[in-house]
PDB file of N, CA and C in Angstrom:
ATOM      1  N   UNK A   1     106.787 128.323  82.662  1.00  0.00           N
ATOM      2  CA  UNK A   1     107.286 127.150  83.382  1.00  0.00           C
ATOM      3  C   UNK A   1     108.425 126.516  82.557  1.00  0.00           C
ATOM      4  N   UNK A   2     109.448 126.170  83.241  1.00  0.00           N
ATOM      5  CA  UNK A   2     110.652 125.561  82.624  1.00  0.00           C
ATOM      6  C   UNK A   2     110.478 124.189  82.067  1.00  0.00           C
ATOM      7  N   UNK A   3     110.892 123.803  81.002  1.00  0.00           N
ATOM      8  CA  UNK A   3     110.861 122.548  80.462  1.00  0.00           C
ATOM      9  C   UNK A   3     112.175 122.124  79.776  1.00  0.00           C
ATOM     10  N   UNK A   4     112.715 121.024  80.261  1.00  0.00           N
ATOM     11  CA  UNK A   4     114.047 120.700  79.811  1.00  0.00           C
ATOM     12  C   UNK A   4     114.028 120.244  78.323  1.00  0.00           C
ATOM     13  N   UNK A   5     115.152 120.190  77.824  1.00  0.00           N
ATOM     14  CA  UNK A   5     115.316 119.775  76.282  1.00  0.00           C
ATOM     15  C   UNK A   5     114.740 118.298  76.171  1.00  0.00           C
ATOM     16  N   UNK A   6     115.144 117.545  77.142  1.00  0.00           N
ATOM     17  CA  UNK A   6     114.694 116.162  77.081  1.00  0.00           C
ATOM     18  C   UNK A   6     113.296 115.946  77.105  1.00  0.00           C
ATOM     19  N   UNK A   7     112.551 116.637  78.038  1.00  0.00           N
ATOM     20  CA  UNK A   7     111.069 116.650  78.114  1.00  0.00           C
ATOM     21  C   UNK A   7     110.486 117.206  76.895  1.00  0.00           C
ATOM     22  N   UNK A   8     111.116 118.335  76.330  1.00  0.00           N
ATOM     23  CA  UNK A   8     110.473 118.852  75.011  1.00  0.00           C
ATOM     24  C   UNK A   8     110.440 117.736  73.940  1.00  0.00           C
ATOM     25  N   UNK A   9     111.730 117.210  73.817  1.00  0.00           N
ATOM     26  CA  UNK A   9     111.967 115.969  72.804  1.00  0.00           C
ATOM     27  C   UNK A   9     110.931 115.021  72.866  1.00  0.00           C
ATOM     28  N   UNK A  10     110.737 114.455  74.111  1.00  0.00           N
ATOM     29  CA  UNK A  10     109.927 113.242  74.348  1.00  0.00           C
ATOM     30  C   UNK A  10     108.441 113.731  74.089  1.00  0.00           C
ATOM     31  N   UNK A  11     107.921 114.919  74.526  1.00  0.00           N
ATOM     32  CA  UNK A  11     106.637 115.309  74.279  1.00  0.00           C
ATOM     33  C   UNK A  11     106.426 115.424  72.824  1.00  0.00           C
ATOM     34  N   UNK A  12     107.385 116.184  72.064  1.00  0.00           N
ATOM     35  CA  UNK A  12     107.278 116.329  70.644  1.00  0.00           C
ATOM     36  C   UNK A  12     107.258 115.021  69.912  1.00  0.00           C
ATOM     37  N   UNK A  13     108.029 114.160  70.271  1.00  0.00           N
ATOM     38  CA  UNK A  13     108.155 112.814  69.581  1.00  0.00           C
ATOM     39  C   UNK A  13     106.860 112.030  69.864  1.00  0.00           C
ATOM     40  N   UNK A  14     106.318 112.074  70.999  1.00  0.00           N
ATOM     41  CA  UNK A  14     105.159 111.304  71.262  1.00  0.00           C
ATOM     42  C   UNK A  14     103.923 112.025  70.471  1.00  0.00           C
ATOM     43  N   UNK A  15     103.965 113.326  70.282  1.00  0.00           N
ATOM     44  CA  UNK A  15     102.849 113.898  69.475  1.00  0.00           C
ATOM     45  C   UNK A  15     103.019 113.561  67.956  1.00  0.00           C
ATOM     46  N   UNK A  16     104.203 113.324  67.535  1.00  0.00           N
ATOM     47  CA  UNK A  16     104.337 112.919  66.120  1.00  0.00           C
ATOM     48  C   UNK A  16     104.241 111.382  65.966  1.00  0.00           C
ATOM     49  N   UNK A  17     104.307 110.688  66.902  1.00  0.00           N
ATOM     50  CA  UNK A  17     104.291 109.232  66.895  1.00  0.00           C
ATOM     51  C   UNK A  17     103.310 108.655  67.848  1.00  0.00           C
ATOM     52  N   UNK A  18     102.024 108.770  67.726  1.00  0.00           N
ATOM     53  CA  UNK A  18     101.058 108.303  68.780  1.00  0.00           C
ATOM     54  C   UNK A  18     101.027 106.849  68.867  1.00  0.00           C
ATOM     55  N   UNK A  19     101.422 106.055  67.935  1.00  0.00           N
ATOM     56  CA  UNK A  19     101.577 104.704  68.088  1.00  0.00           C
ATOM     57  C   UNK A  19     102.308 104.177  69.192  1.00  0.00           C
ATOM     58  N   UNK A  20     103.438 105.028  69.518  1.00  0.00           N
ATOM     59  CA  UNK A  20     104.332 104.725  70.688  1.00  0.00           C
ATOM     60  C   UNK A  20     103.550 104.820  71.968  1.00  0.00           C
ATOM     61  N   UNK A  21     102.572 105.552  72.147  1.00  0.00           N
ATOM     62  CA  UNK A  21     101.971 105.664  73.440  1.00  0.00           C
ATOM     63  C   UNK A  21     101.051 104.290  73.519  1.00  0.00           C
ATOM     64  N   UNK A  22     100.514 103.748  72.524  1.00  0.00           N
ATOM     65  CA  UNK A  22      99.836 102.490  72.617  1.00  0.00           C
ATOM     66  C   UNK A  22     100.932 101.317  72.887  1.00  0.00           C
ATOM     67  N   UNK A  23     102.037 101.429  72.276  1.00  0.00           N
ATOM     68  CA  UNK A  23     103.068 100.365  72.620  1.00  0.00           C
ATOM     69  C   UNK A  23     103.560 100.513  74.050  1.00  0.00           C
ATOM     70  N   UNK A  24     103.556 101.722  74.599  1.00  0.00           N
ATOM     71  CA  UNK A  24     103.927 101.776  75.918  1.00  0.00           C
ATOM     72  C   UNK A  24     102.965 101.182  76.946  1.00  0.00           C
ATOM     73  N   UNK A  25     101.686 101.442  76.580  1.00  0.00           N
ATOM     74  CA  UNK A  25     100.645 100.857  77.318  1.00  0.00           C
ATOM     75  C   UNK A  25     100.611  99.375  77.350  1.00  0.00           C
ATOM     76  N   UNK A  26     100.791  98.714  76.219  1.00  0.00           N
ATOM     77  CA  UNK A  26     100.896  97.292  75.946  1.00  0.00           C
ATOM     78  C   UNK A  26     102.087  96.691  76.898  1.00  0.00           C
ATOM     79  N   UNK A  27     103.188  97.377  76.793  1.00  0.00           N
ATOM     80  CA  UNK A  27     104.417  96.966  77.449  1.00  0.00           C
ATOM     81  C   UNK A  27     104.135  97.098  79.009  1.00  0.00           C
ATOM     82  N   UNK A  28     103.485  98.204  79.506  1.00  0.00           N
ATOM     83  CA  UNK A  28     103.179  98.194  80.896  1.00  0.00           C
ATOM     84  C   UNK A  28     102.268  97.140  81.423  1.00  0.00           C
ATOM     85  N   UNK A  29     101.270  96.815  80.526  1.00  0.00           N
ATOM     86  CA  UNK A  29     100.396  95.780  80.899  1.00  0.00           C
ATOM     87  C   UNK A  29     101.008  94.477  80.987  1.00  0.00           C
ATOM     88  N   UNK A  30     102.024  94.098  80.133  1.00  0.00           N
ATOM     89  CA  UNK A  30     102.716  92.936  80.295  1.00  0.00           C
ATOM     90  C   UNK A  30     103.426  92.846  81.644  1.00  0.00           C
ATOM     91  N   UNK A  31     104.105  93.878  82.057  1.00  0.00           N
ATOM     92  CA  UNK A  31     104.944  93.771  83.329  1.00  0.00           C
ATOM     93  C   UNK A  31     104.093  94.129  84.657  1.00  0.00           C
ATOM     94  N   UNK A  32     103.150  95.015  84.646  1.00  0.00           N
ATOM     95  CA  UNK A  32     102.659  95.670  85.784  1.00  0.00           C
ATOM     96  C   UNK A  32     101.140  95.483  85.870  1.00  0.00           C
ATOM     97  N   UNK A  33     100.304  95.562  84.904  1.00  0.00           N
ATOM     98  CA  UNK A  33      98.876  95.455  84.996  1.00  0.00           C
ATOM     99  C   UNK A  33      98.485  94.117  85.116  1.00  0.00           C
ATOM    100  N   UNK A  34      98.450  93.403  86.186  1.00  0.00           N
ATOM    101  CA  UNK A  34      98.108  91.963  86.257  1.00  0.00           C
ATOM    102  C   UNK A  34      96.902  91.791  87.328  1.00  0.00           C
ATOM    103  N   UNK A  35      96.149  90.872  87.062  1.00  0.00           N
ATOM    104  CA  UNK A  35      95.034  90.540  88.094  1.00  0.00           C
ATOM    105  C   UNK A  35      95.694  89.607  89.144  1.00  0.00           C
ATOM    106  N   UNK A  36      94.979  89.597  90.118  1.00  0.00           N
ATOM    107  CA  UNK A  36      95.493  88.788  91.448  1.00  0.00           C
ATOM    108  C   UNK A  36      95.749  87.335  90.928  1.00  0.00           C
ATOM    109  N   UNK A  37      94.989  86.737  89.967  1.00  0.00           N
ATOM    110  CA  UNK A  37      95.188  85.259  89.602  1.00  0.00           C
ATOM    111  C   UNK A  37      96.444  85.280  88.636  1.00  0.00           C
ATOM    112  N   UNK A  38      96.841  86.220  87.980  1.00  0.00           N
ATOM    113  CA  UNK A  38      98.042  86.208  87.165  1.00  0.00           C
ATOM    114  C   UNK A  38      99.374  86.469  87.888  1.00  0.00           C
ATOM    115  N   UNK A  39      99.338  86.972  89.107  1.00  0.00           N
ATOM    116  CA  UNK A  39     100.507  87.292  89.804  1.00  0.00           C
ATOM    117  C   UNK A  39     101.080  86.126  90.425  1.00  0.00           C
ATOM    118  N   UNK A  40     102.515  85.951  90.555  1.00  0.00           N
ATOM    119  CA  UNK A  40     103.127  84.857  91.108  1.00  0.00           C
ATOM    120  C   UNK A  40     102.765  84.934  92.798  1.00  0.00           C
ATOM    121  N   UNK A  41     102.676  83.798  93.289  1.00  0.00           N
ATOM    122  CA  UNK A  41     102.409  83.718  94.728  1.00  0.00           C
ATOM    123  C   UNK A  41     103.362  84.360  95.636  1.00  0.00           C
ATOM    124  N   UNK A  42     103.155  84.912  96.838  1.00  0.00           N
ATOM    125  CA  UNK A  42     104.112  85.522  97.537  1.00  0.00           C
ATOM    126  C   UNK A  42     104.928  84.442  98.106  1.00  0.00           C
ATOM    127  N   UNK A  43     106.345  84.682  98.351  1.00  0.00           N
ATOM    128  CA  UNK A  43     107.221  83.699  98.861  1.00  0.00           C
ATOM    129  C   UNK A  43     106.948  83.528 100.252  1.00  0.00           C
ATOM    130  N   UNK A  44     107.249  82.198 100.692  1.00  0.00           N
ATOM    131  CA  UNK A  44     107.126  81.917 102.164  1.00  0.00           C
ATOM    132  C   UNK A  44     108.168  82.681 102.916  1.00  0.00           C
ATOM    133  N   UNK A  45     107.748  82.996 104.117  1.00  0.00           N
ATOM    134  CA  UNK A  45     108.675  83.762 105.010  1.00  0.00           C
ATOM    135  C   UNK A  45     109.262  82.916 106.029  1.00  0.00           C
ATOM    136  N   UNK A  46     109.147  81.553 105.963  1.00  0.00           N
ATOM    137  CA  UNK A  46     109.670  80.665 106.946  1.00  0.00           C
ATOM    138  C   UNK A  46     111.223  80.895 107.134  1.00  0.00           C
ATOM    139  N   UNK A  47     111.961  81.331 106.044  1.00  0.00           N
ATOM    140  CA  UNK A  47     113.351  81.442 106.268  1.00  0.00           C
ATOM    141  C   UNK A  47     113.746  82.730 106.944  1.00  0.00           C
ATOM    142  N   UNK A  48     112.762  83.640 107.158  1.00  0.00           N
ATOM    143  CA  UNK A  48     113.068  84.925 107.810  1.00  0.00           C
ATOM    144  C   UNK A  48     113.371  84.826 109.310  1.00  0.00           C
ATOM    145  N   UNK A  49     114.271  85.415 109.889  1.00  0.00           N
ATOM    146  CA  UNK A  49     114.469  85.366 111.366  1.00  0.00           C
ATOM    147  C   UNK A  49     113.388  86.071 112.075  1.00  0.00           C
ATOM    148  N   UNK A  50     113.207  85.560 113.148  1.00  0.00           N
ATOM    149  CA  UNK A  50     112.067  86.178 114.066  1.00  0.00           C
ATOM    150  C   UNK A  50     112.636  87.290 114.846  1.00  0.00           C
ATOM    151  N   UNK A  51     111.759  88.163 115.260  1.00  0.00           N
ATOM    152  CA  UNK A  51     112.235  89.253 115.956  1.00  0.00           C
ATOM    153  C   UNK A  51     112.687  88.934 117.315  1.00  0.00           C
ATOM    154  N   UNK A  52     113.618  89.662 117.933  1.00  0.00           N
ATOM    155  CA  UNK A  52     114.183  89.455 119.170  1.00  0.00           C
ATOM    156  C   UNK A  52     115.428  88.535 119.144  1.00  0.00           C
ATOM    157  N   UNK A  53     115.919  88.221 118.127  1.00  0.00           N
ATOM    158  CA  UNK A  53     117.139  87.359 118.036  1.00  0.00           C
ATOM    159  C   UNK A  53     116.808  85.942 118.414  1.00  0.00           C
ATOM    160  N   UNK A  54     115.604  85.407 118.366  1.00  0.00           N
ATOM    161  CA  UNK A  54     115.405  84.012 118.745  1.00  0.00           C
ATOM    162  C   UNK A  54     115.357  83.144 117.596  1.00  0.00           C
ATOM    163  N   UNK A  55     116.293  83.393 116.663  1.00  0.00           N
ATOM    164  CA  UNK A  55     116.291  82.376 115.360  1.00  0.00           C
ATOM    165  C   UNK A  55     117.151  81.329 115.729  1.00  0.00           C
ATOM    166  N   UNK A  56     117.946  81.254 116.763  1.00  0.00           N
ATOM    167  CA  UNK A  56     118.780  80.060 117.016  1.00  0.00           C
ATOM    168  C   UNK A  56     118.596  79.595 118.520  1.00  0.00           C
ATOM    169  N   UNK A  57     118.925  78.428 118.803  1.00  0.00           N
ATOM    170  CA  UNK A  57     118.968  77.950 120.189  1.00  0.00           C
ATOM    171  C   UNK A  57     120.186  77.369 120.392  1.00  0.00           C
ATOM    172  N   UNK A  58     120.389  77.078 121.808  1.00  0.00           N
ATOM    173  CA  UNK A  58     121.742  76.641 122.357  1.00  0.00           C
ATOM    174  C   UNK A  58     121.474  75.148 122.576  1.00  0.00           C
ATOM    175  N   UNK A  59     122.259  74.295 121.825  1.00  0.00           N
ATOM    176  CA  UNK A  59     122.053  72.891 121.957  1.00  0.00           C
ATOM    177  C   UNK A  59     123.425  72.243 122.189  1.00  0.00           C
ATOM    178  N   UNK A  60     123.213  71.086 122.903  1.00  0.00           N
ATOM    179  CA  UNK A  60     124.543  70.265 123.170  1.00  0.00           C
ATOM    180  C   UNK A  60     125.281  69.788 121.942  1.00  0.00           C
ATOM    181  N   UNK A  61     126.551  69.819 122.058  1.00  0.00           N
ATOM    182  CA  UNK A  61     127.317  69.311 120.877  1.00  0.00           C
ATOM    183  C   UNK A  61     127.426  67.857 120.985  1.00  0.00           C
ATOM    184  N   UNK A  62     127.486  67.102 119.743  1.00  0.00           N
ATOM    185  CA  UNK A  62     127.631  65.748 119.820  1.00  0.00           C
ATOM    186  C   UNK A  62     129.037  65.317 120.330  1.00  0.00           C
ATOM    187  N   UNK A  63     129.227  64.248 120.825  1.00  0.00           N
ATOM    188  CA  UNK A  63     130.490  63.695 121.370  1.00  0.00           C
ATOM    189  C   UNK A  63     131.680  63.985 120.512  1.00  0.00           C
ATOM    190  N   UNK A  64     132.745  64.511 120.921  1.00  0.00           N
ATOM    191  CA  UNK A  64     133.941  64.764 120.018  1.00  0.00           C
ATOM    192  C   UNK A  64     133.826  66.043 119.148  1.00  0.00           C
ATOM    193  N   UNK A  65     132.858  66.810 119.630  1.00  0.00           N
ATOM    194  CA  UNK A  65     132.635  68.157 118.916  1.00  0.00           C
ATOM    195  C   UNK A  65     133.521  69.262 119.252  1.00  0.00           C
ATOM    196  N   UNK A  66     134.222  69.116 120.437  1.00  0.00           N
ATOM    197  CA  UNK A  66     135.196  70.208 120.890  1.00  0.00           C
ATOM    198  C   UNK A  66     134.614  71.279 121.758  1.00  0.00           C
ATOM    199  N   UNK A  67     133.241  71.241 121.900  1.00  0.00           N
ATOM    200  CA  UNK A  67     132.751  72.309 122.812  1.00  0.00           C
ATOM    201  C   UNK A  67     131.601  71.545 123.532  1.00  0.00           C
ATOM    202  N   UNK A  68     131.039  72.289 124.665  1.00  0.00           N
ATOM    203  CA  UNK A  68     129.963  71.710 125.258  1.00  0.00           C
ATOM    204  C   UNK A  68     128.528  71.904 124.514  1.00  0.00           C
ATOM    205  N   UNK A  69     128.456  73.220 124.115  1.00  0.00           N
ATOM    206  CA  UNK A  69     127.208  73.677 123.398  1.00  0.00           C
ATOM    207  C   UNK A  69     127.570  74.415 122.185  1.00  0.00           C
ATOM    208  N   UNK A  70     126.577  74.421 121.203  1.00  0.00           N
ATOM    209  CA  UNK A  70     126.670  75.233 120.027  1.00  0.00           C
ATOM    210  C   UNK A  70     125.341  75.903 119.802  1.00  0.00           C
ATOM    211  N   UNK A  71     125.406  76.918 118.843  1.00  0.00           N
ATOM    212  CA  UNK A  71     124.119  77.370 118.385  1.00  0.00           C
ATOM    213  C   UNK A  71     123.562  76.584 117.107  1.00  0.00           C
ATOM    214  N   UNK A  72     122.358  76.324 117.265  1.00  0.00           N
ATOM    215  CA  UNK A  72     121.709  75.597 116.008  1.00  0.00           C
ATOM    216  C   UNK A  72     120.384  76.208 115.707  1.00  0.00           C
ATOM    217  N   UNK A  73     120.025  76.185 114.465  1.00  0.00           N
ATOM    218  CA  UNK A  73     118.841  76.741 113.926  1.00  0.00           C
ATOM    219  C   UNK A  73     117.620  76.349 114.752  1.00  0.00           C
ATOM    220  N   UNK A  74     116.819  77.242 115.168  1.00  0.00           N
ATOM    221  CA  UNK A  74     115.543  76.915 115.804  1.00  0.00           C
ATOM    222  C   UNK A  74     114.421  76.741 114.806  1.00  0.00           C
ATOM    223  N   UNK A  75     114.167  75.539 114.478  1.00  0.00           N
ATOM    224  CA  UNK A  75     113.190  75.315 113.475  1.00  0.00           C
ATOM    225  C   UNK A  75     111.760  74.970 114.142  1.00  0.00           C
ATOM    226  N   UNK A  76     111.689  75.106 115.369  1.00  0.00           N
ATOM    227  CA  UNK A  76     110.411  74.784 115.910  1.00  0.00           C
ATOM    228  C   UNK A  76     109.417  75.875 115.553  1.00  0.00           C
ATOM    229  N   UNK A  77     108.183  75.461 115.161  1.00  0.00           N
ATOM    230  CA  UNK A  77     107.237  76.398 114.788  1.00  0.00           C
ATOM    231  C   UNK A  77     107.232  76.728 113.299  1.00  0.00           C
ATOM    232  N   UNK A  78     108.295  76.270 112.587  1.00  0.00           N
ATOM    233  CA  UNK A  78     108.536  76.537 111.228  1.00  0.00           C
ATOM    234  C   UNK A  78     107.683  75.428 110.410  1.00  0.00           C
ATOM    235  N   UNK A  79     106.757  75.920 109.474  1.00  0.00           N
ATOM    236  CA  UNK A  79     106.034  74.925 108.725  1.00  0.00           C
ATOM    237  C   UNK A  79     106.833  74.500 107.583  1.00  0.00           C
TER     238      UNK A  79
END
């Protein structure tokens, strides 16, 4: 089976330096291995547009606005 020079180097290095494997495990635990309580809460999706292009409504323009109607954000139902 073919093994690249880089793979050989890494494998041999880790065999000669087993402490690096422990260091890798600690680093992984810092960034990835977290319990549900330690994770940041999921962001709110209120800002995401709804399916079907219904993220805006057609509303009258205030007097002097230069047009009869404009599109405005549809915030109904957004918590």
